PDB file of N, CA and C in Angstrom:
ATOM      1  N   GLU A   1      -5.463 -16.608  10.952  1.00  0.00           N
ATOM      2  CA  GLU A   1      -5.985 -18.410  11.439  1.00  0.00           C
ATOM      3  C   GLU A   1      -5.163 -19.026  10.540  1.00  0.00           C
ATOM      4  N   ASN A   2      -4.847 -19.436  10.473  1.00  0.00           N
ATOM      5  CA  ASN A   2      -4.410 -20.770   9.375  1.00  0.00           C
ATOM      6  C   ASN A   2      -4.714 -20.663   7.905  1.00  0.00           C
ATOM      7  N   ALA A   3      -4.471 -19.013   7.914  1.00  0.00           N
ATOM      8  CA  ALA A   3      -5.068 -18.461   5.882  1.00  0.00           C
ATOM      9  C   ALA A   3      -3.469 -19.141   5.300  1.00  0.00           C
ATOM     10  N   ASN A   4      -4.488 -20.289   4.000  1.00  0.00           N
ATOM     11  CA  ASN A   4      -3.481 -20.839   2.840  1.00  0.00           C
ATOM     12  C   ASN A   4      -3.502 -19.667   1.700  1.00  0.00           C
ATOM     13  N   ILE A   5      -2.265 -18.880   2.014  1.00  0.00           N
ATOM     14  CA  ILE A   5      -2.863 -17.861  -0.017  1.00  0.00           C
ATOM     15  C   ILE A   5      -1.485 -18.469  -0.942  1.00  0.00           C
ATOM     16  N   TYR A   6      -2.202 -18.455  -1.937  1.00  0.00           N
ATOM     17  CA  TYR A   6      -1.614 -18.649  -3.377  1.00  0.00           C
ATOM     18  C   TYR A   6      -0.375 -17.465  -4.060  1.00  0.00           C
ATOM     19  N   PHE A   7       1.086 -17.341  -3.381  1.00  0.00           N
ATOM     20  CA  PHE A   7       1.320 -15.918  -3.806  1.00  0.00           C
ATOM     21  C   PHE A   7       3.062 -16.097  -4.063  1.00  0.00           C
ATOM     22  N   ASP A   8       3.488 -15.412  -5.476  1.00  0.00           N
ATOM     23  CA  ASP A   8       4.374 -15.935  -5.586  1.00  0.00           C
ATOM     24  C   ASP A   8       5.969 -14.113  -4.360  1.00  0.00           C
ATOM     25  N   GLU A   9       6.129 -15.652  -4.170  1.00  0.00           N
ATOM     26  CA  GLU A   9       7.048 -14.988  -2.316  1.00  0.00           C
ATOM     27  C   GLU A   9       8.401 -13.819  -2.450  1.00  0.00           C
ATOM     28  N   MET A  10       9.236 -13.204  -4.618  1.00  0.00           N
ATOM     29  CA  MET A  10       9.609 -12.835  -4.504  1.00  0.00           C
ATOM     30  C   MET A  10       8.722 -11.404  -4.601  1.00  0.00           C
ATOM     31  N   HIS A  11       7.731 -11.174  -6.053  1.00  0.00           N
ATOM     32  CA  HIS A  11       6.583  -9.847  -5.861  1.00  0.00           C
ATOM     33  C   HIS A  11       5.986  -9.542  -4.907  1.00  0.00           C
ATOM     34  N   PHE A  12       5.597 -11.024  -4.410  1.00  0.00           N
ATOM     35  CA  PHE A  12       5.066 -10.341  -3.311  1.00  0.00           C
ATOM     36  C   PHE A  12       5.694  -9.712  -1.393  1.00  0.00           C
ATOM     37  N   THR A  13       6.989 -10.198  -2.074  1.00  0.00           N
ATOM     38  CA  THR A  13       8.087  -9.717  -1.188  1.00  0.00           C
ATOM     39  C   THR A  13       7.853  -7.948  -1.207  1.00  0.00           C
ATOM     40  N   ASN A  14       8.371  -7.852  -2.279  1.00  0.00           N
ATOM     41  CA  ASN A  14       9.169  -6.744  -3.715  1.00  0.00           C
ATOM     42  C   ASN A  14       6.618  -5.517  -3.321  1.00  0.00           C
ATOM     43  N   VAL A  15       6.309  -6.550  -3.521  1.00  0.00           N
ATOM     44  CA  VAL A  15       5.245  -5.762  -2.581  1.00  0.00           C
ATOM     45  C   VAL A  15       4.888  -5.203  -1.237  1.00  0.00           C
ATOM     46  N   ILE A  16       5.411  -5.466  -0.537  1.00  0.00           N
ATOM     47  CA  ILE A  16       5.349  -5.108   0.475  1.00  0.00           C
ATOM     48  C   ILE A  16       6.159  -4.220   1.507  1.00  0.00           C
ATOM     49  N   SER A  17       8.095  -4.172   0.701  1.00  0.00           N
ATOM     50  CA  SER A  17       8.472  -3.975   0.860  1.00  0.00           C
ATOM     51  C   SER A  17       8.168  -2.165  -0.378  1.00  0.00           C
ATOM     52  N   THR A  18       7.497  -2.415  -1.348  1.00  0.00           N
ATOM     53  CA  THR A  18       6.615  -1.378  -1.354  1.00  0.00           C
ATOM     54  C   THR A  18       6.142   0.038  -0.844  1.00  0.00           C
ATOM     55  N   LEU A  19       4.898  -0.790  -0.220  1.00  0.00           N
ATOM     56  CA  LEU A  19       4.385  -0.725   0.563  1.00  0.00           C
ATOM     57  C   LEU A  19       5.098   0.474   2.358  1.00  0.00           C
ATOM     58  N   MET A  20       6.138  -0.142   2.345  1.00  0.00           N
ATOM     59  CA  MET A  20       6.664   0.202   3.763  1.00  0.00           C
ATOM     60  C   MET A  20       7.980   1.138   3.435  1.00  0.00           C
ATOM     61  N   ASP A  21       7.897   1.351   2.343  1.00  0.00           N
ATOM     62  CA  ASP A  21       8.931   2.358   1.349  1.00  0.00           C
ATOM     63  C   ASP A  21       8.217   3.372   1.054  1.00  0.00           C
ATOM     64  N   ASN A  22       6.922   3.350   1.226  1.00  0.00           N
ATOM     65  CA  ASN A  22       6.499   5.113   0.840  1.00  0.00           C
ATOM     66  C   ASN A  22       6.495   5.156   1.855  1.00  0.00           C
ATOM     67  N   ALA A  23       6.289   4.678   3.199  1.00  0.00           N
ATOM     68  CA  ALA A  23       5.999   5.477   3.948  1.00  0.00           C
ATOM     69  C   ALA A  23       7.152   6.423   5.080  1.00  0.00           C
ATOM     70  N   VAL A  24       8.292   5.140   4.554  1.00  0.00           N
ATOM     71  CA  VAL A  24       9.197   6.092   4.911  1.00  0.00           C
ATOM     72  C   VAL A  24       9.512   7.370   4.116  1.00  0.00           C
ATOM     73  N   LYS A  25       9.340   7.719   2.878  1.00  0.00           N
ATOM     74  CA  LYS A  25       9.599   8.057   1.654  1.00  0.00           C
ATOM     75  C   LYS A  25       8.564   9.192   2.477  1.00  0.00           C
ATOM     76  N   TYR A  26       7.525   9.043   2.615  1.00  0.00           N
ATOM     77  CA  TYR A  26       6.245  10.035   2.467  1.00  0.00           C
ATOM     78  C   TYR A  26       6.223  10.774   4.118  1.00  0.00           C
ATOM     79  N   ARG A  27       6.774  10.692   4.831  1.00  0.00           N
ATOM     80  CA  ARG A  27       6.782  10.422   6.288  1.00  0.00           C
ATOM     81  C   ARG A  27       6.814  11.879   6.274  1.00  0.00           C
ATOM     82  N   ARG A  28       5.937  12.205   7.638  1.00  0.00           N
ATOM     83  CA  ARG A  28       5.881  13.731   8.095  1.00  0.00           C
ATOM     84  C   ARG A  28       7.546  14.058   9.003  1.00  0.00           C
ATOM     85  N   GLU A  29       8.459  14.355   8.959  1.00  0.00           N
ATOM     86  CA  GLU A  29       9.443  14.940   9.553  1.00  0.00           C
ATOM     87  C   GLU A  29       9.124  15.314  10.999  1.00  0.00           C
ATOM     88  N   GLU A  30       8.265  16.179  11.527  1.00  0.00           N
ATOM     89  CA  GLU A  30       8.375  16.810  11.755  1.00  0.00           C
ATOM     90  C   GLU A  30       7.911  16.000  13.616  1.00  0.00           C
ATOM     91  N   VAL A  31       7.785  14.918  13.101  1.00  0.00           N
ATOM     92  CA  VAL A  31       6.854  13.246  14.106  1.00  0.00           C
ATOM     93  C   VAL A  31       7.240  12.228  13.807  1.00  0.00           C
ATOM     94  N   PRO A  32       7.952  11.626  14.806  1.00  0.00           N
ATOM     95  CA  PRO A  32       8.474   9.667  14.074  1.00  0.00           C
ATOM     96  C   PRO A  32       7.318   9.148  13.311  1.00  0.00           C
ATOM     97  N   LEU A  33       7.600   8.365  13.162  1.00  0.00           N
ATOM     98  CA  LEU A  33       7.075   7.191  12.279  1.00  0.00           C
ATOM     99  C   LEU A  33       6.412   6.238  12.575  1.00  0.00           C
ATOM    100  N   HIS A  34       5.823   6.405  12.602  1.00  0.00           N
ATOM    101  CA  HIS A  34       4.915   5.333  13.519  1.00  0.00           C
ATOM    102  C   HIS A  34       4.010   4.050  12.125  1.00  0.00           C
ATOM    103  N   LEU A  35       4.087   3.176  12.003  1.00  0.00           N
ATOM    104  CA  LEU A  35       4.084   1.902  10.956  1.00  0.00           C
ATOM    105  C   LEU A  35       3.560   0.682  11.418  1.00  0.00           C
ATOM    106  N   VAL A  36       2.320   0.053  11.123  1.00  0.00           N
ATOM    107  CA  VAL A  36       1.662  -0.415  11.507  1.00  0.00           C
ATOM    108  C   VAL A  36       1.246  -1.447  10.387  1.00  0.00           C
ATOM    109  N   LEU A  37       1.919  -3.429  10.331  1.00  0.00           N
ATOM    110  CA  LEU A  37       1.555  -4.319   9.429  1.00  0.00           C
ATOM    111  C   LEU A  37      -0.027  -4.953  10.939  1.00  0.00           C
ATOM    112  N   ARG A  38      -0.589  -4.938   9.797  1.00  0.00           N
ATOM    113  CA  ARG A  38      -1.704  -6.406   9.974  1.00  0.00           C
ATOM    114  C   ARG A  38      -2.149  -7.099   8.754  1.00  0.00           C
ATOM    115  N   SER A  39      -3.372  -8.215   9.555  1.00  0.00           N
ATOM    116  CA  SER A  39      -3.349  -9.495   8.895  1.00  0.00           C
ATOM    117  C   SER A  39      -3.914 -10.193   9.245  1.00  0.00           C
ATOM    118  N   TRP A  40      -5.368 -10.552   9.230  1.00  0.00           N
ATOM    119  CA  TRP A  40      -6.651 -11.367   9.322  1.00  0.00           C
ATOM    120  C   TRP A  40      -7.448 -11.698   8.121  1.00  0.00           C
ATOM    121  N   ASN A  41      -7.881 -12.498   8.863  1.00  0.00           N
ATOM    122  CA  ASN A  41      -8.999 -13.867   7.991  1.00  0.00           C
ATOM    123  C   ASN A  41     -10.162 -12.968   7.906  1.00  0.00           C
ATOM    124  N   GLN A  42     -10.926 -13.243   6.513  1.00  0.00           N
ATOM    125  CA  GLN A  42     -12.517 -12.189   7.302  1.00  0.00           C
ATOM    126  C   GLN A  42     -13.465 -12.637   5.374  1.00  0.00           C
ATOM    127  N   GLY A  43     -13.969 -13.612   6.152  1.00  0.00           N
ATOM    128  CA  GLY A  43     -15.403 -14.459   5.042  1.00  0.00           C
ATOM    129  C   GLY A  43     -14.253 -15.220   3.570  1.00  0.00           C
ATOM    130  N   GLY A  44     -13.448 -15.433   3.910  1.00  0.00           N
ATOM    131  CA  GLY A  44     -12.411 -16.586   2.821  1.00  0.00           C
ATOM    132  C   GLY A  44     -11.630 -15.916   2.014  1.00  0.00           C
ATOM    133  N   LYS A  45     -11.159 -14.478   2.446  1.00  0.00           N
ATOM    134  CA  LYS A  45     -10.721 -13.745   2.433  1.00  0.00           C
ATOM    135  C   LYS A  45      -9.348 -13.689   3.355  1.00  0.00           C
ATOM    136  N   TYR A  46      -7.608 -13.492   3.240  1.00  0.00           N
ATOM    137  CA  TYR A  46      -6.594 -13.913   3.506  1.00  0.00           C
ATOM    138  C   TYR A  46      -6.486 -11.069   3.711  1.00  0.00           C
ATOM    139  N   CYS A  47      -6.102 -10.673   4.731  1.00  0.00           N
ATOM    140  CA  CYS A  47      -6.163  -9.186   4.711  1.00  0.00           C
ATOM    141  C   CYS A  47      -5.337  -9.054   5.124  1.00  0.00           C
ATOM    142  N   LEU A  48      -4.100  -8.351   4.602  1.00  0.00           N
ATOM    143  CA  LEU A  48      -3.385  -8.002   5.099  1.00  0.00           C
ATOM    144  C   LEU A  48      -3.186  -5.671   5.114  1.00  0.00           C
ATOM    145  N   SER A  49      -2.572  -5.062   5.704  1.00  0.00           N
ATOM    146  CA  SER A  49      -2.336  -3.787   5.327  1.00  0.00           C
ATOM    147  C   SER A  49      -1.013  -2.617   6.398  1.00  0.00           C
ATOM    148  N   VAL A  50      -1.689  -1.765   5.602  1.00  0.00           N
ATOM    149  CA  VAL A  50       0.444  -0.869   6.068  1.00  0.00           C
ATOM    150  C   VAL A  50      -0.437   0.000   6.786  1.00  0.00           C
ATOM    151  N   GLN A  51      -0.620   0.791   7.995  1.00  0.00           N
ATOM    152  CA  GLN A  51      -0.407   1.950   7.892  1.00  0.00           C
ATOM    153  C   GLN A  51       0.284   2.478   8.230  1.00  0.00           C
ATOM    154  N   ASP A  52       0.703   3.928   7.555  1.00  0.00           N
ATOM    155  CA  ASP A  52       1.845   5.136   8.435  1.00  0.00           C
ATOM    156  C   ASP A  52       1.065   5.854   9.204  1.00  0.00           C
ATOM    157  N   ASN A  53       1.316   6.667   9.232  1.00  0.00           N
ATOM    158  CA  ASN A  53       1.339   8.637  10.247  1.00  0.00           C
ATOM    159  C   ASN A  53       1.831   9.678   9.208  1.00  0.00           C
ATOM    160  N   GLY A  54       1.952   9.225   7.675  1.00  0.00           N
ATOM    161  CA  GLY A  54       3.031  10.286   6.889  1.00  0.00           C
ATOM    162  C   GLY A  54       2.050  11.392   6.672  1.00  0.00           C
ATOM    163  N   ILE A  55       2.396  12.060   5.444  1.00  0.00           N
ATOM    164  CA  ILE A  55       1.446  13.246   4.933  1.00  0.00           C
ATOM    165  C   ILE A  55      -0.065  12.243   4.216  1.00  0.00           C
ATOM    166  N   GLY A  56      -0.087  11.424   3.864  1.00  0.00           N
ATOM    167  CA  GLY A  56      -1.100  11.184   3.332  1.00  0.00           C
ATOM    168  C   GLY A  56      -1.040  11.645   2.177  1.00  0.00           C
ATOM    169  N   ILE A  57      -2.546  12.048   1.780  1.00  0.00           N
ATOM    170  CA  ILE A  57      -3.175  11.557   0.317  1.00  0.00           C
ATOM    171  C   ILE A  57      -4.123  11.961   0.436  1.00  0.00           C
ATOM    172  N   ARG A  58      -4.296  13.346  -0.608  1.00  0.00           N
ATOM    173  CA  ARG A  58      -5.059  14.600  -1.279  1.00  0.00           C
ATOM    174  C   ARG A  58      -6.631  12.912  -1.559  1.00  0.00           C
ATOM    175  N   ARG A  59      -7.662  13.976  -1.443  1.00  0.00           N
ATOM    176  CA  ARG A  59      -8.915  13.073  -1.911  1.00  0.00           C
ATOM    177  C   ARG A  59      -9.086  13.428  -2.804  1.00  0.00           C
ATOM    178  N   GLU A  60      -8.426  14.704  -3.561  1.00  0.00           N
ATOM    179  CA  GLU A  60      -8.940  14.319  -5.095  1.00  0.00           C
ATOM    180  C   GLU A  60      -7.499  13.531  -5.741  1.00  0.00           C
ATOM    181  N   ASP A  61      -6.835  13.320  -5.167  1.00  0.00           N
ATOM    182  CA  ASP A  61      -5.487  12.009  -5.374  1.00  0.00           C
ATOM    183  C   ASP A  61      -5.182  10.022  -5.111  1.00  0.00           C
ATOM    184  N   LEU A  62      -6.697  10.399  -4.403  1.00  0.00           N
ATOM    185  CA  LEU A  62      -6.893   8.859  -4.408  1.00  0.00           C
ATOM    186  C   LEU A  62      -7.230   7.705  -5.396  1.00  0.00           C
ATOM    187  N   LYS A  63      -8.119   8.395  -6.064  1.00  0.00           N
ATOM    188  CA  LYS A  63      -8.761   6.898  -7.280  1.00  0.00           C
ATOM    189  C   LYS A  63      -7.185   7.149  -7.544  1.00  0.00           C
ATOM    190  N   ARG A  64      -6.807   8.133  -8.587  1.00  0.00           N
ATOM    191  CA  ARG A  64      -4.664   8.324  -9.453  1.00  0.00           C
ATOM    192  C   ARG A  64      -3.856   7.729  -8.940  1.00  0.00           C
ATOM    193  N   VAL A  65      -3.753   7.679  -8.010  1.00  0.00           N
ATOM    194  CA  VAL A  65      -1.943   7.378  -7.411  1.00  0.00           C
ATOM    195  C   VAL A  65      -1.864   5.592  -7.398  1.00  0.00           C
ATOM    196  N   PHE A  66      -3.010   4.262  -7.735  1.00  0.00           N
ATOM    197  CA  PHE A  66      -2.171   2.845  -8.557  1.00  0.00           C
ATOM    198  C   PHE A  66      -2.329   3.013  -9.987  1.00  0.00           C
ATOM    199  N   ILE A  67      -1.854   4.438 -10.446  1.00  0.00           N
ATOM    200  CA  ILE A  67      -1.872   4.278 -12.116  1.00  0.00           C
ATOM    201  C   ILE A  67      -0.337   4.727 -13.048  1.00  0.00           C
ATOM    202  N   LYS A  68      -0.136   3.806 -13.135  1.00  0.00           N
ATOM    203  CA  LYS A  68       0.835   3.775 -14.232  1.00  0.00           C
ATOM    204  C   LYS A  68       1.726   5.813 -13.378  1.00  0.00           C
ATOM    205  N   PHE A  69       3.331   6.139 -13.457  1.00  0.00           N
ATOM    206  CA  PHE A  69       3.802   7.450 -13.812  1.00  0.00           C
ATOM    207  C   PHE A  69       2.795   8.129 -13.444  1.00  0.00           C
ATOM    208  N   TYR A  70       1.714   7.338 -12.518  1.00  0.00           N
ATOM    209  CA  TYR A  70       0.860   9.041 -11.869  1.00  0.00           C
ATOM    210  C   TYR A  70       1.131   9.161 -10.264  1.00  0.00           C
ATOM    211  N   ARG A  71       2.544  10.635  -9.500  1.00  0.00           N
ATOM    212  CA  ARG A  71       2.902  10.952  -8.972  1.00  0.00           C
ATOM    213  C   ARG A  71       2.157  12.006  -7.731  1.00  0.00           C
ATOM    214  N   VAL A  72       1.592  11.413  -6.667  1.00  0.00           N
ATOM    215  CA  VAL A  72       1.315  12.948  -5.910  1.00  0.00           C
ATOM    216  C   VAL A  72       1.567  14.221  -6.199  1.00  0.00           C
ATOM    217  N   HIS A  73       1.206  15.198  -6.432  1.00  0.00           N
ATOM    218  CA  HIS A  73       2.710  16.394  -5.738  1.00  0.00           C
ATOM    219  C   HIS A  73       1.922  16.682  -4.181  1.00  0.00           C
ATOM    220  N   THR A  74       2.845  16.768  -3.415  1.00  0.00           N
ATOM    221  CA  THR A  74       3.877  17.007  -3.061  1.00  0.00           C
ATOM    222  C   THR A  74       3.759  18.715  -1.987  1.00  0.00           C
ATOM    223  N   GLY A  75       3.812  18.945  -3.016  1.00  0.00           N
ATOM    224  CA  GLY A  75       4.937  20.336  -3.079  1.00  0.00           C
ATOM    225  C   GLY A  75       6.190  20.821  -2.207  1.00  0.00           C
ATOM    226  N   ASN A  76       6.431  21.657  -1.658  1.00  0.00           N
ATOM    227  CA  ASN A  76       7.789  21.599  -1.072  1.00  0.00           C
ATOM    228  C   ASN A  76       7.529  21.005   0.593  1.00  0.00           C
ATOM    229  N   GLN A  77       7.106  20.088   0.239  1.00  0.00           N
ATOM    230  CA  GLN A  77       7.498  19.451   1.892  1.00  0.00           C
ATOM    231  C   GLN A  77       7.908  18.391   1.561  1.00  0.00           C
ATOM    232  N   HIS A  78       7.966  17.633   0.258  1.00  0.00           N
ATOM    233  CA  HIS A  78       9.342  16.720   0.561  1.00  0.00           C
ATOM    234  C   HIS A  78      10.093  16.592  -0.546  1.00  0.00           C
ATOM    235  N   ASN A  79      11.356  16.428  -1.651  1.00  0.00           N
ATOM    236  CA  ASN A  79      11.940  15.684  -2.524  1.00  0.00           C
ATOM    237  C   ASN A  79      11.786  14.547  -2.580  1.00  0.00           C
ATOM    238  N   VAL A  80      10.637  14.035  -2.975  1.00  0.00           N
ATOM    239  CA  VAL A  80      11.110  12.091  -3.636  1.00  0.00           C
ATOM    240  C   VAL A  80      11.264  12.191  -4.926  1.00  0.00           C
ATOM    241  N   LYS A  81      12.205  11.401  -4.930  1.00  0.00           N
ATOM    242  CA  LYS A  81      12.431  10.734  -6.042  1.00  0.00           C
ATOM    243  C   LYS A  81      11.552   9.401  -6.696  1.00  0.00           C
ATOM    244  N   GLY A  82      11.433   9.367  -8.203  1.00  0.00           N
ATOM    245  CA  GLY A  82      10.848   8.449  -8.528  1.00  0.00           C
ATOM    246  C   GLY A  82       9.986   8.636  -9.170  1.00  0.00           C
ATOM    247  N   PHE A  83       9.473   7.827 -10.408  1.00  0.00           N
ATOM    248  CA  PHE A  83       8.538   7.071 -11.387  1.00  0.00           C
ATOM    249  C   PHE A  83       7.342   7.421 -11.476  1.00  0.00           C
ATOM    250  N   GLY A  84       6.642   6.967  -9.757  1.00  0.00           N
ATOM    251  CA  GLY A  84       5.309   6.718 -10.215  1.00  0.00           C
ATOM    252  C   GLY A  84       5.034   5.040 -10.289  1.00  0.00           C
ATOM    253  N   LEU A  85       5.533   4.551 -10.464  1.00  0.00           N
ATOM    254  CA  LEU A  85       6.005   3.071 -10.987  1.00  0.00           C
ATOM    255  C   LEU A  85       5.206   1.962  -9.399  1.00  0.00           C
ATOM    256  N   GLY A  86       5.131   2.055  -9.121  1.00  0.00           N
ATOM    257  CA  GLY A  86       5.693   1.613  -7.275  1.00  0.00           C
ATOM    258  C   GLY A  86       4.314   1.030  -6.908  1.00  0.00           C
ATOM    259  N   LEU A  87       3.112   2.187  -6.398  1.00  0.00           N
ATOM    260  CA  LEU A  87       1.558   1.574  -6.473  1.00  0.00           C
ATOM    261  C   LEU A  87       1.445   1.128  -7.473  1.00  0.00           C
ATOM    262  N   SER A  88       1.201   1.327  -9.011  1.00  0.00           N
ATOM    263  CA  SER A  88       0.874   0.723  -9.645  1.00  0.00           C
ATOM    264  C   SER A  88       1.579  -0.890 -10.214  1.00  0.00           C
ATOM    265  N   TYR A  89       3.183  -0.931 -10.194  1.00  0.00           N
ATOM    266  CA  TYR A  89       3.301  -2.188  -9.387  1.00  0.00           C
ATOM    267  C   TYR A  89       2.197  -3.273  -8.146  1.00  0.00           C
ATOM    268  N   VAL A  90       2.017  -2.312  -6.882  1.00  0.00           N
ATOM    269  CA  VAL A  90       1.208  -2.683  -6.365  1.00  0.00           C
ATOM    270  C   VAL A  90       0.026  -3.988  -7.046  1.00  0.00           C
ATOM    271  N   LYS A  91      -0.351  -3.127  -7.544  1.00  0.00           N
ATOM    272  CA  LYS A  91      -2.164  -3.121  -8.239  1.00  0.00           C
ATOM    273  C   LYS A  91      -1.772  -3.961  -8.690  1.00  0.00           C
ATOM    274  N   ASN A  92      -0.438  -4.460 -10.126  1.00  0.00           N
ATOM    275  CA  ASN A  92      -1.240  -5.144 -10.335  1.00  0.00           C
ATOM    276  C   ASN A  92      -0.451  -6.399  -9.961  1.00  0.00           C
ATOM    277  N   ILE A  93       0.401  -7.204  -9.272  1.00  0.00           N
ATOM    278  CA  ILE A  93       0.705  -7.583  -8.608  1.00  0.00           C
ATOM    279  C   ILE A  93      -0.187  -8.220  -7.555  1.00  0.00           C
ATOM    280  N   VAL A  94      -0.758  -8.058  -7.051  1.00  0.00           N
ATOM    281  CA  VAL A  94      -1.908  -7.800  -6.688  1.00  0.00           C
ATOM    282  C   VAL A  94      -2.835  -8.789  -7.318  1.00  0.00           C
ATOM    283  N   ARG A  95      -3.194  -7.809  -8.510  1.00  0.00           N
ATOM    284  CA  ARG A  95      -4.661  -8.592  -9.424  1.00  0.00           C
ATOM    285  C   ARG A  95      -3.863  -9.610  -9.835  1.00  0.00           C
ATOM    286  N   GLN A  96      -2.913  -9.851 -10.275  1.00  0.00           N
ATOM    287  CA  GLN A  96      -2.265 -11.292 -10.418  1.00  0.00           C
ATOM    288  C   GLN A  96      -2.625 -11.771  -9.874  1.00  0.00           C
ATOM    289  N   HIS A  97      -3.015 -11.990  -8.511  1.00  0.00           N
ATOM    290  CA  HIS A  97      -2.912 -12.711  -7.663  1.00  0.00           C
ATOM    291  C   HIS A  97      -4.307 -12.761  -7.608  1.00  0.00           C
ATOM    292  N   LYS A  98      -5.726 -12.507  -8.273  1.00  0.00           N
ATOM    293  CA  LYS A  98      -6.782 -13.108  -8.365  1.00  0.00           C
ATOM    294  C   LYS A  98      -7.299 -11.945  -6.679  1.00  0.00           C
ATOM    295  N   GLY A  99      -6.710 -10.763  -6.231  1.00  0.00           N
ATOM    296  CA  GLY A  99      -6.579  -9.798  -4.723  1.00  0.00           C
ATOM    297  C   GLY A  99      -6.243  -8.163  -5.781  1.00  0.00           C
ATOM    298  N   THR A 100      -7.181  -8.371  -4.124  1.00  0.00           N
ATOM    299  CA  THR A 100      -7.553  -6.047  -4.416  1.00  0.00           C
ATOM    300  C   THR A 100      -7.219  -5.353  -3.111  1.00  0.00           C
ATOM    301  N   VAL A 101      -6.677  -4.546  -3.954  1.00  0.00           N
ATOM    302  CA  VAL A 101      -6.338  -4.251  -2.982  1.00  0.00           C
ATOM    303  C   VAL A 101      -6.897  -2.472  -2.709  1.00  0.00           C
ATOM    304  N   ARG A 102      -7.472  -1.705  -2.033  1.00  0.00           N
ATOM    305  CA  ARG A 102      -7.325  -0.216  -1.935  1.00  0.00           C
ATOM    306  C   ARG A 102      -6.512   0.503  -0.877  1.00  0.00           C
ATOM    307  N   VAL A 103      -6.657   2.242  -0.860  1.00  0.00           N
ATOM    308  CA  VAL A 103      -5.870   2.026  -0.446  1.00  0.00           C
ATOM    309  C   VAL A 103      -7.166   3.719   0.401  1.00  0.00           C
ATOM    310  N   GLU A 104      -6.908   3.609   1.624  1.00  0.00           N
ATOM    311  CA  GLU A 104      -7.729   5.104   2.232  1.00  0.00           C
ATOM    312  C   GLU A 104      -6.697   5.945   2.924  1.00  0.00           C
ATOM    313  N   SER A 105      -6.720   7.251   3.020  1.00  0.00           N
ATOM    314  CA  SER A 105      -5.822   8.141   3.614  1.00  0.00           C
ATOM    315  C   SER A 105      -6.842   9.966   4.014  1.00  0.00           C
ATOM    316  N   GLU A 106      -5.975  10.052   4.654  1.00  0.00           N
ATOM    317  CA  GLU A 106      -6.152  11.734   4.774  1.00  0.00           C
ATOM    318  C   GLU A 106      -5.235  12.448   5.009  1.00  0.00           C
ATOM    319  N   TRP A 107      -5.213  13.660   4.247  1.00  0.00           N
ATOM    320  CA  TRP A 107      -3.704  14.350   4.185  1.00  0.00           C
ATOM    321  C   TRP A 107      -3.824  14.971   5.868  1.00  0.00           C
ATOM    322  N   GLY A 108      -2.216  14.985   5.750  1.00  0.00           N
ATOM    323  CA  GLY A 108      -1.529  15.391   6.827  1.00  0.00           C
ATOM    324  C   GLY A 108      -2.094  14.635   7.869  1.00  0.00           C
ATOM    325  N   GLN A 109      -2.349  13.013   7.333  1.00  0.00           N
ATOM    326  CA  GLN A 109      -2.680  12.006   8.909  1.00  0.00           C
ATOM    327  C   GLN A 109      -2.212  10.759   8.439  1.00  0.00           C
ATOM    328  N   GLY A 110      -1.910  11.471   7.502  1.00  0.00           N
ATOM    329  CA  GLY A 110      -1.689   9.703   6.798  1.00  0.00           C
ATOM    330  C   GLY A 110      -2.785   8.129   5.744  1.00  0.00           C
ATOM    331  N   SER A 111      -1.650   7.473   5.541  1.00  0.00           N
ATOM    332  CA  SER A 111      -2.412   6.699   4.890  1.00  0.00           C
ATOM    333  C   SER A 111      -2.636   4.954   5.294  1.00  0.00           C
ATOM    334  N   THR A 112      -3.960   4.148   5.183  1.00  0.00           N
ATOM    335  CA  THR A 112      -3.883   2.558   4.493  1.00  0.00           C
ATOM    336  C   THR A 112      -4.126   2.268   3.444  1.00  0.00           C
ATOM    337  N   PHE A 113      -3.063   1.386   3.291  1.00  0.00           N
ATOM    338  CA  PHE A 113      -3.250   0.455   2.147  1.00  0.00           C
ATOM    339  C   PHE A 113      -3.524  -1.372   2.577  1.00  0.00           C
ATOM    340  N   THR A 114      -4.581  -1.535   1.669  1.00  0.00           N
ATOM    341  CA  THR A 114      -5.362  -2.746   2.233  1.00  0.00           C
ATOM    342  C   THR A 114      -4.959  -3.447   1.295  1.00  0.00           C
ATOM    343  N   ILE A 115      -4.510  -4.567   1.100  1.00  0.00           N
ATOM    344  CA  ILE A 115      -4.535  -5.714   0.469  1.00  0.00           C
ATOM    345  C   ILE A 115      -5.363  -7.006   1.142  1.00  0.00           C
ATOM    346  N   THR A 116      -6.651  -7.952   0.054  1.00  0.00           N
ATOM    347  CA  THR A 116      -7.894  -8.690  -0.157  1.00  0.00           C
ATOM    348  C   THR A 116      -6.943  -9.842  -0.850  1.00  0.00           C
ATOM    349  N   LEU A 117      -6.437 -10.631  -0.402  1.00  0.00           N
ATOM    350  CA  LEU A 117      -6.905 -11.990  -1.374  1.00  0.00           C
ATOM    351  C   LEU A 117      -7.036 -12.915  -1.130  1.00  0.00           C
ATOM    352  N   PRO A 118      -8.110 -14.009  -1.961  1.00  0.00           N
ATOM    353  CA  PRO A 118      -8.070 -15.345  -1.608  1.00  0.00           C
ATOM    354  C   PRO A 118      -7.945 -16.871  -0.996  1.00  0.00           C
ATOM    355  N   THR A 119      -7.934 -16.841   0.017  1.00  0.00           N
ATOM    356  CA  THR A 119      -7.736 -18.301   0.367  1.00  0.00           C
ATOM    357  C   THR A 119      -8.001 -18.622   0.280  1.00  0.00           C
ATOM    358  N   LEU A 120      -6.944 -20.208  -0.425  1.00  0.00           N
ATOM    359  CA  LEU A 120      -7.075 -21.644  -0.667  1.00  0.00           C
ATOM    360  C   LEU A 120      -8.417 -22.465  -0.042  1.00  0.00           C
ATOM    361  N   LYS A 121      -8.945 -23.511  -0.640  1.00  0.00           N
ATOM    362  CA  LYS A 121      -9.867 -23.896  -0.537  1.00  0.00           C
ATOM    363  C   LYS A 121      -8.741 -25.904   0.480  1.00  0.00           C
ATOM    364  N   ALA A 122      -9.367 -25.560   1.425  1.00  0.00           N
ATOM    365  CA  ALA A 122      -8.112 -26.994   2.446  1.00  0.00           C
ATOM    366  C   ALA A 122      -8.520 -28.381   1.403  1.00  0.00           C
TER     367      ALA A 122
END
């Protein structure tokens, strides 16, 4: 509600696009993709989440997904191309906007990425 935040429009658009693109890339082929974007205010901060019902991320990989060039091994499930730069870019841009990004995921059930940004004082 009436959250005023400062962000670079081009980069922030790329952040959201990256998260949504990953949801499509890492979807479970046997079920329809379900993608949920939410936003809310919490304690003087603006929050935005991107949730999917994809293949998810194993617990041991969660701490490394934001590392530059790190790619989660998906086995024979998906033949997804990439260099492991997307989530590193997301974290870098969010951090430059004095925000945070976190991920919650369960293997085989999907992932939720949550971005929190400071709101501007009125």
